[in-house]
Amino acid sequence: MSLRAVSEELGRHHSVIGKMEQDRRKIELLEFVEYCRVIGADPHEGLDVMLSKIR
């Protein structure tokens, strides 16, 4: 899925999505869950990955 397609689905500017993907912008939990829904990813799996990195 392209960056612009994701941004259109989320109703955000593509630069905001790009910064989120490049870890140049913090992402809120609900924003993360919605992002996962749009790209077809499991938010539980993503949270597990993030939690494993801070342990």
Protein backbone atom coordinates (compact mmCIF):
# COMPACT_ATOMS: atom_id res chain seq x y z
CA MET A 1 0.00 0.00 0.00
CA SER A 2 1.44 3.37 -0.94
CA LEU A 3 2.11 6.16 1.52
CA ARG A 4 -0.45 8.36 -0.21
CA ALA A 5 -3.11 5.64 -0.15
CA VAL A 6 -2.59 5.17 3.59
CA SER A 7 -2.72 8.92 4.18
CA GLU A 8 -5.95 9.23 2.21
CA GLU A 9 -7.55 6.38 4.17
CA LEU A 10 -6.50 7.95 7.48
CA GLY A 11 -7.40 11.47 6.41
CA ARG A 12 -3.89 12.74 7.19
CA HIS A 13 -1.29 14.46 5.03
CA HIS A 14 1.19 12.02 3.51
CA SER A 15 4.11 13.82 5.19
CA VAL A 16 2.63 12.99 8.61
CA ILE A 17 2.41 9.29 7.74
CA GLY A 18 5.95 9.36 6.33
CA LYS A 19 7.29 10.85 9.56
CA MET A 20 5.47 8.19 11.59
CA GLU A 21 6.95 5.43 9.45
CA GLN A 22 10.46 6.93 9.72
CA ASP A 23 10.17 7.26 13.52
CA ARG A 24 10.44 11.06 13.24
CA ARG A 25 7.03 11.60 14.84
CA LYS A 26 5.47 10.03 17.91
CA ILE A 27 2.30 8.07 17.34
CA GLU A 28 -0.58 7.80 19.79
CA LEU A 29 -2.02 4.39 20.64
CA LEU A 30 -5.37 4.90 18.92
CA GLU A 31 -3.60 6.35 15.89
CA PHE A 32 -1.39 3.25 15.81
CA VAL A 33 -4.39 0.90 15.95
CA GLU A 34 -6.11 2.77 13.11
CA TYR A 35 -2.88 2.75 11.06
CA CYS A 36 -2.62 -1.02 11.55
CA ARG A 37 -6.22 -1.49 10.46
CA VAL A 38 -5.60 0.47 7.26
CA ILE A 39 -2.46 -1.45 6.28
CA GLY A 40 -3.90 -4.82 7.29
CA ALA A 41 -1.52 -5.46 10.19
CA ASP A 42 -2.33 -6.91 13.60
CA PRO A 43 -1.91 -4.17 16.23
CA HIS A 44 -1.29 -6.81 18.91
CA GLU A 45 1.73 -8.06 17.00
CA GLY A 46 3.03 -4.52 16.56
CA LEU A 47 2.67 -3.78 20.26
CA ASP A 48 4.50 -7.01 21.10
CA VAL A 49 7.40 -5.88 18.89
CA MET A 50 7.52 -2.46 20.53
CA LEU A 51 7.38 -3.95 24.02
CA SER A 52 10.19 -6.39 23.27
CA LYS A 53 12.43 -3.48 22.19
CA ILE A 54 12.05 -1.64 25.50
CA ARG A 55 12.72 -4.65 27.70
